[in-house]
Protein backbone atom coordinates (compact mmCIF):
# COMPACT_ATOMS: atom_id res chain seq x y z
CA MET A 1 -32.24 27.76 -3.14
CA ARG A 2 -30.88 24.65 -1.15
CA ILE A 3 -27.14 24.33 -0.02
CA ALA A 4 -26.08 21.01 -1.68
CA ALA A 5 -22.45 19.24 -1.52
CA ILE A 6 -21.08 16.59 -3.95
CA TYR A 7 -19.49 13.18 -3.19
CA ALA A 8 -17.65 11.09 -6.40
CA ARG A 9 -15.57 8.04 -5.95
CA VAL A 10 -13.41 5.63 -7.90
CA SER A 11 -11.85 2.55 -6.62
CA SER A 12 -9.03 2.06 -9.35
CA GLU A 13 -6.51 3.44 -11.45
CA ARG A 14 -8.24 2.26 -14.59
CA GLN A 15 -11.28 4.44 -13.55
CA LYS A 16 -9.16 6.99 -12.90
CA GLU A 17 -7.35 7.35 -16.02
CA GLU A 18 -10.99 6.97 -17.92
CA HIS A 19 -11.81 9.94 -16.04
CA THR A 20 -14.78 8.30 -14.57
CA ILE A 21 -14.92 10.17 -11.74
CA ALA A 22 -15.12 13.69 -13.88
CA SER A 23 -17.97 12.12 -15.58
CA GLN A 24 -19.79 11.75 -12.42
CA ILE A 25 -19.27 15.23 -11.21
CA ALA A 26 -20.58 16.37 -14.33
CA ALA A 27 -24.06 14.00 -14.15
CA LEU A 28 -24.33 15.55 -10.71
CA LEU A 29 -23.42 18.94 -11.29
CA ASP A 30 -26.18 18.89 -14.19
CA HIS A 31 -28.43 17.18 -11.74
CA ALA A 32 -27.87 20.40 -9.42
CA LYS A 33 -28.73 22.93 -11.71
CA GLU A 34 -32.02 21.31 -12.93
CA GLU A 35 -33.30 21.14 -9.34
CA HIS A 36 -31.51 24.47 -8.02
CA TYR A 37 -29.27 23.44 -5.92
CA THR A 38 -26.05 25.74 -5.10
CA VAL A 39 -23.11 23.45 -4.90
CA PRO A 40 -19.81 26.04 -3.92
CA PRO A 41 -16.67 24.59 -5.81
CA GLU A 42 -15.28 23.82 -2.56
CA TRP A 43 -17.81 21.51 -1.65
CA ILE A 44 -17.22 19.03 -4.51
CA PHE A 45 -15.75 16.38 -2.82
CA GLN A 46 -13.71 13.20 -4.72
CA ASP A 47 -12.04 10.43 -3.26
CA GLU A 48 -9.66 8.91 -6.43
CA GLY A 49 -8.56 5.43 -5.68
CA TYR A 50 -10.59 4.57 -2.76
CA SER A 51 -12.25 1.51 -2.13
CA GLY A 52 -16.13 1.55 -1.47
CA ALA A 53 -15.55 -1.32 1.11
CA SER A 54 -13.66 0.99 3.31
CA LEU A 55 -15.09 3.99 5.51
CA VAL A 56 -11.66 5.68 5.69
CA ARG A 57 -11.63 8.35 3.13
CA PRO A 58 -9.93 11.92 3.51
CA GLY A 59 -13.13 13.39 0.52
CA LEU A 60 -15.75 11.60 2.74
CA GLU A 61 -14.19 12.30 6.31
CA ARG A 62 -14.58 15.92 5.49
CA LEU A 63 -17.75 15.75 3.90
CA ARG A 64 -18.80 13.97 7.13
CA ASP A 65 -17.56 16.94 9.28
CA LEU A 66 -19.10 19.22 6.91
CA ALA A 67 -22.76 17.56 7.58
CA ALA A 68 -22.03 17.79 11.26
CA ALA A 69 -20.97 21.32 11.25
CA GLY A 70 -24.72 21.75 9.74
CA GLN A 71 -23.29 24.09 6.64
CA ILE A 72 -25.16 21.60 3.98
CA GLU A 73 -29.12 20.43 3.37
CA VAL A 74 -28.24 17.85 0.69
CA VAL A 75 -25.51 15.73 -0.63
CA LEU A 76 -25.67 14.62 -4.26
CA VAL A 77 -24.23 11.08 -5.14
CA TYR A 78 -24.15 9.45 -8.23
CA ALA A 79 -25.46 5.89 -6.90
CA PRO A 80 -25.62 4.19 -3.50
CA ASP A 81 -22.07 1.97 -4.60
CA ARG A 82 -20.31 5.46 -5.37
CA LEU A 83 -21.06 5.76 -1.44
CA SER A 84 -20.17 2.61 -0.49
CA ARG A 85 -19.88 -0.92 -1.41
CA LYS A 86 -20.90 -2.26 1.66
CA TYR A 87 -25.10 -1.87 2.27
CA ALA A 88 -24.16 -1.87 6.18
CA TYR A 89 -22.24 1.22 5.44
CA GLN A 90 -24.71 2.92 2.90
CA VAL A 91 -27.21 2.61 6.00
CA LEU A 92 -24.79 4.08 8.59
CA LEU A 93 -23.84 7.26 6.66
CA ILE A 94 -27.61 7.67 5.39
CA GLU A 95 -29.05 7.49 8.66
CA GLU A 96 -25.52 9.68 10.19
CA PHE A 97 -26.44 12.26 7.67
CA ALA A 98 -30.10 12.54 8.10
CA ARG A 99 -29.62 13.00 12.19
CA HIS A 100 -27.73 16.17 11.11
CA GLY A 101 -30.98 17.33 8.70
CA VAL A 102 -29.39 16.58 5.75
CA GLU A 103 -30.90 14.52 3.14
CA VAL A 104 -28.44 12.03 0.49
CA VAL A 105 -29.98 11.97 -3.10
CA PHE A 106 -28.79 9.57 -5.43
CA ILE A 107 -28.73 10.83 -9.19
CA ASN A 108 -28.85 7.06 -10.90
CA SER A 109 -31.10 5.16 -8.55
CA VAL A 110 -34.41 4.63 -6.88
CA GLN A 111 -35.45 8.00 -5.24
CA ALA A 112 -36.94 6.24 -1.56
CA SER A 113 -39.66 8.54 -0.96
CA THR A 114 -42.20 5.32 0.20
CA PRO A 115 -41.65 2.26 2.11
CA GLU A 116 -42.07 0.70 -0.85
CA GLU A 117 -39.21 2.62 -2.55
CA GLN A 118 -36.96 2.57 0.66
CA LEU A 119 -37.40 -1.11 0.71
CA LEU A 120 -36.10 -1.20 -2.87
CA VAL A 121 -32.92 0.98 -2.45
CA GLN A 122 -32.00 -1.23 0.58
CA PHE A 123 -32.30 -4.87 -1.86
CA GLN A 124 -30.18 -2.66 -4.59
CA GLY A 125 -27.47 -2.34 -1.89
CA MET A 126 -27.57 -5.91 -0.75
CA ILE A 127 -27.71 -7.09 -4.17
CA ALA A 128 -24.87 -5.25 -5.19
CA GLU A 129 -23.12 -6.40 -2.32
CA TYR A 130 -23.61 -9.94 -2.63
CA GLU A 131 -22.38 -9.53 -6.63
CA ARG A 132 -19.28 -7.90 -5.27
CA ALA A 133 -18.51 -10.45 -2.85
CA GLN A 134 -19.27 -13.06 -5.57
CA ILE A 135 -17.06 -12.00 -8.76
CA ALA A 136 -14.01 -11.84 -5.92
CA GLU A 137 -15.12 -15.67 -4.75
CA ARG A 138 -15.28 -16.84 -8.21
CA SER A 139 -12.25 -15.45 -9.55
CA ARG A 140 -10.14 -16.74 -6.59
CA ARG A 141 -11.66 -20.27 -6.53
CA GLY A 142 -10.85 -20.31 -10.48
CA LYS A 143 -7.47 -19.25 -10.26
CA LYS A 144 -6.60 -21.49 -7.82
CA HIS A 145 -8.29 -24.06 -10.52
CA ARG A 146 -6.11 -23.26 -13.17
CA ALA A 147 -3.33 -22.88 -11.08
CA LYS A 148 -3.66 -26.29 -9.63
CA GLN A 149 -3.83 -27.29 -13.41
CA GLY A 150 -0.24 -25.80 -13.96
CA SER A 151 -1.67 -22.50 -15.79
CA ILE A 152 0.80 -20.03 -16.17
CA ASN A 153 -1.67 -17.16 -16.91
CA VAL A 154 -2.52 -16.89 -13.29
CA LEU A 155 0.42 -15.36 -12.34
CA SER A 156 1.04 -12.29 -12.22
CA GLY A 157 3.98 -11.64 -14.48
CA ALA A 158 7.62 -12.99 -15.46
CA PRO A 159 10.35 -12.44 -13.50
CA TYR A 160 14.20 -11.26 -14.54
CA GLY A 161 15.18 -13.78 -16.64
CA TYR A 162 11.78 -14.84 -18.01
CA ARG A 163 9.73 -13.61 -20.84
CA TYR A 164 5.69 -14.39 -20.30
CA ILE A 165 4.15 -15.28 -23.89
CA LYS A 166 0.56 -14.99 -23.93
CA LYS A 167 -1.48 -17.78 -24.95
CA THR A 168 -3.35 -18.14 -28.24
CA PRO A 169 -6.04 -20.30 -29.66
CA THR A 170 -3.63 -23.35 -30.11
CA ALA A 171 -1.07 -22.81 -27.46
CA ALA A 172 -0.99 -22.16 -23.66
CA ALA A 173 0.99 -19.48 -22.17
CA TYR A 174 4.92 -19.80 -20.60
CA TYR A 175 7.57 -18.81 -19.51
CA GLN A 176 10.26 -18.31 -22.26
CA VAL A 177 13.69 -18.07 -21.10
CA ILE A 178 15.98 -14.80 -21.78
CA GLU A 179 19.22 -15.95 -21.87
CA SER A 180 21.33 -12.78 -21.57
CA GLU A 181 19.41 -12.10 -18.25
CA ALA A 182 19.57 -15.74 -17.04
CA ASP A 183 22.99 -15.59 -17.33
CA ILE A 184 23.16 -12.57 -14.91
CA VAL A 185 20.73 -14.85 -12.35
CA ARG A 186 23.40 -17.65 -12.53
CA SER A 187 25.94 -15.31 -11.96
CA VAL A 188 23.84 -13.41 -8.89
CA PHE A 189 23.34 -16.90 -7.61
CA ARG A 190 27.12 -17.90 -7.67
CA ARG A 191 28.40 -15.29 -6.14
CA TYR A 192 26.10 -15.77 -3.24
CA THR A 193 26.27 -19.34 -2.86
CA GLU A 194 30.02 -20.31 -3.73
CA GLU A 195 31.68 -16.94 -3.41
CA HIS A 196 30.01 -15.80 -0.01
CA LEU A 197 29.27 -12.63 -1.32
CA SER A 198 26.98 -10.24 0.76
CA ILE A 199 23.54 -9.20 -0.90
CA GLU A 200 24.82 -5.68 -0.99
CA ALA A 201 28.23 -6.46 -2.15
CA ILE A 202 26.27 -8.54 -5.16
CA ALA A 203 23.77 -5.28 -6.21
CA ARG A 204 26.90 -3.01 -6.20
CA TRP A 205 28.60 -5.73 -8.66
CA LEU A 206 25.27 -5.52 -10.62
CA ASN A 207 25.40 -1.62 -10.42
CA ASP A 208 29.29 -1.11 -11.24
CA GLN A 209 28.69 -3.43 -14.35
CA GLY A 210 25.94 -0.99 -15.80
CA ILE A 211 23.44 -4.06 -16.09
CA PRO A 212 20.15 -2.87 -16.18
CA THR A 213 17.05 -3.70 -14.42
CA ARG A 214 13.91 -5.67 -15.39
CA ARG A 215 12.16 -1.99 -16.36
CA GLY A 216 15.06 -0.67 -17.69
CA ALA A 217 16.48 1.26 -14.54
CA SER A 218 20.54 1.14 -14.01
CA ARG A 219 19.70 0.93 -10.03
CA TRP A 220 19.42 -2.46 -8.78
CA HIS A 221 18.26 -2.63 -4.48
CA ARG A 222 19.02 -5.20 -2.26
CA SER A 223 15.78 -6.24 -1.71
CA THR A 224 15.51 -6.62 -5.43
CA VAL A 225 18.36 -9.09 -5.23
CA TRP A 226 16.99 -10.63 -1.82
CA ALA A 227 13.52 -11.48 -3.77
CA MET A 228 15.67 -12.95 -6.75
CA LEU A 229 17.64 -15.30 -4.55
CA ARG A 230 14.09 -16.78 -3.20
CA ASN A 231 12.19 -17.09 -6.14
CA PRO A 232 11.55 -20.36 -6.66
CA ALA A 233 10.92 -20.30 -10.46
CA TYR A 234 14.37 -20.15 -10.59
CA GLN A 235 14.89 -23.91 -9.89
CA GLY A 236 12.10 -24.80 -12.05
CA THR A 237 8.52 -24.50 -9.73
CA ALA A 238 7.23 -21.06 -10.39
CA CYS A 239 4.44 -20.59 -7.21
CA TYR A 240 0.87 -19.69 -7.23
CA GLY A 241 -0.83 -18.25 -3.95
CA LYS A 242 2.50 -16.69 -1.79
CA THR A 243 0.98 -14.22 -0.18
CA GLU A 244 -2.52 -13.05 0.90
CA GLN A 245 -4.19 -10.22 2.53
CA ALA A 246 -4.53 -9.78 6.36
CA GLU A 247 -5.76 -7.25 8.17
CA ARG A 248 -3.28 -4.44 8.75
CA GLN A 249 -0.99 -5.24 12.41
CA LYS A 250 0.99 -1.57 12.15
CA THR A 251 0.99 1.62 11.32
CA THR A 252 4.49 1.64 9.22
CA ARG A 253 6.39 4.97 8.56
CA PRO A 254 5.17 5.87 5.33
CA LEU A 255 1.33 5.73 6.54
CA ARG A 256 2.77 8.21 9.80
CA GLN A 257 4.02 10.28 6.88
CA ARG A 258 0.73 10.41 5.42
CA GLY A 259 -1.35 10.77 8.66
CA GLY A 260 -1.97 7.43 9.93
CA HIS A 261 -4.50 7.17 7.03
CA SER A 262 -4.50 4.09 3.86
CA PRO A 263 -7.06 3.71 1.28
CA ARG A 264 -6.83 -0.19 2.45
CA ASP A 265 -7.26 -1.30 5.58
CA SER A 266 -5.44 -4.30 4.64
CA ALA A 267 -2.11 -5.70 4.00
CA ASN A 268 -0.50 -8.41 2.31
CA ARG A 269 1.58 -11.45 4.13
CA GLU A 270 2.99 -14.53 2.91
CA ARG A 271 1.52 -17.61 3.50
CA PRO A 272 3.22 -20.65 4.95
CA ARG A 273 4.86 -22.79 2.25
CA GLU A 274 2.87 -25.68 2.12
CA GLN A 275 0.21 -23.80 1.19
CA TRP A 276 1.92 -22.16 -2.15
CA ILE A 277 0.48 -24.10 -5.65
CA GLU A 278 3.81 -24.69 -7.32
CA ILE A 279 3.49 -24.43 -11.57
CA ALA A 280 6.44 -25.83 -13.63
CA VAL A 281 8.88 -23.35 -15.40
CA PRO A 282 12.16 -23.89 -17.28
CA ALA A 283 14.90 -23.97 -14.79
CA ILE A 284 17.80 -21.30 -14.64
CA ILE A 285 19.62 -22.74 -11.84
CA ASP A 286 19.56 -26.36 -10.42
CA GLU A 287 18.01 -27.28 -7.05
CA ALA A 288 20.97 -27.58 -5.02
CA SER A 289 22.06 -24.28 -5.61
CA PHE A 290 19.00 -22.52 -4.79
CA ALA A 291 18.72 -24.89 -1.73
CA GLN A 292 21.94 -23.73 -0.74
CA ALA A 293 21.11 -20.05 -1.09
CA GLN A 294 17.80 -20.39 0.94
CA GLU A 295 20.13 -21.77 4.13
CA ARG A 296 22.30 -19.26 3.61
CA LEU A 297 19.78 -16.65 3.86
CA THR A 298 18.54 -18.31 7.11
CA GLN A 299 21.57 -18.53 8.02
CA ASN A 300 22.54 -14.67 7.69
CA LYS A 301 19.08 -13.93 8.82
CA ALA A 302 19.87 -14.77 12.69
CA LEU A 303 23.67 -14.28 12.29
CA SER A 304 23.47 -10.37 10.63
CA PRO A 305 25.07 -7.91 12.85
CA ARG A 306 21.85 -5.64 11.42
CA ARG A 307 19.86 -8.04 13.44
CA THR A 308 18.34 -6.02 16.38
CA ILE A 309 18.85 -8.02 19.49
CA GLU A 310 18.40 -4.94 22.13
CA PRO A 311 15.59 -2.71 20.48
CA SER A 312 16.25 1.14 21.09
CA LEU A 313 13.61 3.78 22.24
CA LEU A 314 12.69 4.99 18.80
CA GLN A 315 13.61 2.25 16.60
CA GLY A 316 11.38 2.26 13.58
CA MET A 317 10.19 5.81 14.20
CA LEU A 318 12.83 8.54 13.45
CA VAL A 319 12.22 10.35 9.90
CA CYS A 320 14.51 12.68 8.72
CA ASN A 321 13.31 15.91 8.07
CA GLN A 322 15.52 17.18 5.02
CA CYS A 323 14.83 14.09 2.51
CA GLY A 324 12.17 11.80 4.11
CA TYR A 325 14.20 8.79 4.44
CA ALA A 326 14.20 7.01 7.63
CA TYR A 327 16.74 6.44 10.60
CA TYR A 328 18.49 3.33 11.52
CA ARG A 329 20.52 2.41 14.26
CA THR A 330 24.28 1.73 13.37
CA SER A 331 27.27 1.57 16.02
CA THR A 332 30.74 2.41 16.20
CA ARG A 333 33.74 0.57 18.75
CA THR A 334 35.83 2.60 20.66
CA SER A 335 38.49 0.81 22.59
CA LYS A 336 36.70 0.73 25.50
CA ARG A 337 33.10 0.36 24.26
CA THR A 338 30.29 0.38 21.71
CA ILE A 339 28.65 3.54 20.66
CA HIS A 340 25.05 3.46 18.69
CA TYR A 341 24.09 6.33 16.60
CA TYR A 342 20.70 6.60 14.61
CA ARG A 343 21.55 7.62 11.08
CA CYS A 344 19.46 8.46 7.77
CA LEU A 345 19.25 6.37 5.06
CA GLY A 346 19.60 9.26 2.77
CA SER A 347 22.87 10.17 3.93
CA ASP A 348 24.39 6.60 2.89
CA ASN A 349 26.92 7.53 -0.40
CA TYR A 350 26.28 3.46 -1.88
CA ARG A 351 22.74 3.74 -1.61
CA HIS A 352 22.33 6.49 -4.25
CA LEU A 353 24.01 6.50 -7.83
CA ASN A 354 24.94 10.53 -7.73
CA ALA A 355 25.37 11.43 -4.56
CA PRO A 356 23.87 11.36 -0.88
CA LEU A 357 20.36 12.80 -0.85
CA CYS A 358 20.50 14.24 2.97
CA HIS A 359 23.73 15.65 4.64
CA ASN A 360 22.47 15.68 8.17
CA ARG A 361 25.07 13.90 10.76
CA PRO A 362 24.25 11.05 12.97
CA ILE A 363 22.81 11.32 15.77
CA ARG A 364 23.76 9.34 19.14
CA GLN A 365 21.28 7.88 20.33
CA ASP A 366 21.99 7.70 24.14
CA TYR A 367 21.59 11.50 23.82
CA LEU A 368 18.42 11.43 21.52
CA ASP A 369 16.67 8.16 23.78
CA GLU A 370 17.31 10.65 26.87
CA ARG A 371 16.04 13.63 25.19
CA VAL A 372 12.31 11.91 24.13
CA TRP A 373 11.74 10.23 27.44
CA GLU A 374 11.94 13.56 28.96
CA GLN A 375 9.42 14.87 26.88
CA ILE A 376 7.41 11.77 27.44
CA VAL A 377 7.63 12.10 30.87
CA GLN A 378 6.76 15.51 30.81
CA LEU A 379 3.43 14.69 29.18
CA LEU A 380 2.87 12.06 31.49
CA GLU A 381 2.82 14.46 34.43
CA SER A 382 1.00 17.07 32.76
CA PRO A 383 -2.10 15.73 31.37
CA GLU A 384 -3.24 18.96 29.72
CA LEU A 385 -0.06 19.32 27.33
CA ILE A 386 -1.74 15.79 25.99
CA HIS A 387 -4.96 17.67 25.24
CA GLN A 388 -3.10 20.36 23.98
CA SER A 389 -1.21 18.65 21.77
CA HIS A 390 -4.26 16.68 20.44
CA ALA A 391 -6.24 19.62 19.62
CA THR A 392 -3.27 21.19 17.57
CA ALA A 393 -2.95 17.81 15.76
CA GLN A 394 -6.60 17.99 14.92
CA ASN A 395 -6.41 21.71 14.04
CA SER A 396 -3.10 20.58 11.46
CA ALA A 397 -5.32 17.90 9.75
CA LEU A 398 -7.92 20.29 9.19
CA GLN A 399 -5.88 22.45 7.41
CA ARG A 400 -3.78 19.93 5.61
CA ALA A 401 -7.59 18.51 4.46
CA GLY A 402 -8.30 21.83 2.81
CA PRO A 403 -11.22 24.40 3.37
CA TYR A 404 -14.96 23.19 3.45
């Protein structure tokens, strides 16, 4: 009997909820039984929630490593688009498996045993890729056109203070003001623009008053208040197309904690203000108050004491081993000088409702920077240590990926 591995993939949360990956695996196991393939349970590889437009998928990576090790003869996949949405990636993977003597079998596709059948499979892959690009482009242009016509239903949802009313056969969708929430919005803007409270102080006031958030949670975060102050919908102009997908520019701290890999190779970034499409909605505050809030946000960004004018060696790189939160730089002033520290976000009492999540004490920046810099110099002077560390990291990654 030939040794086979199974690969299945779904790309969306809806597909995961509908258990389509389970149906793929069931069909593949039935086919393996009919064709007398042997499939060890640990050689059933799944990628749930990963796009077929990317090759960076943990299950696929382990499958490729297994094929390179020469431990399998056949890879069973439900359909070509489950292996990849891009025809070029399908060809790349099939050729890679073929070099290692591994046959790729699609059970829901024409089996390419002749040149004519191979050409048909290639056409199927190209048509699937074309249809995907066509649907995405039509959807983008259709939403943009409806936004220019003032249609509310192209927006992702109503912000705090509004209720989204769905369209009916006789009426278009619209935002309805929730007066109890609208009063909170007006209080937030008033406290920020007239009383000159900080965003942190406003978030603390909301929490002390026990005011629930839109999702019913009892915790308001600074980022939520900051987003509220920046949202132009409150002055009567909700905007479509504020963000766009672009190539990921940096590896963030959460990504580093996951080994540097993400199911997406893109990230959202804000578009220039002149590219936003305005849609009229009921106003909660006047334009003057909103403009005043934007002016103060701009000033605070430039003058904030948290602004790092002189970056530190480990800025944005430290993660607490106890709670998983990041370390940030803070300082204290003595009679002679300013001393900088690295402090864990989880140890800040005001950020958490019940109690701090972490009890690690702050670390002197100069002490830790000096210690880390010594290690860097030692690595640079001893290249064999770099190779040893790289080999150790690879072994750890393979262990985390699980047995083949």
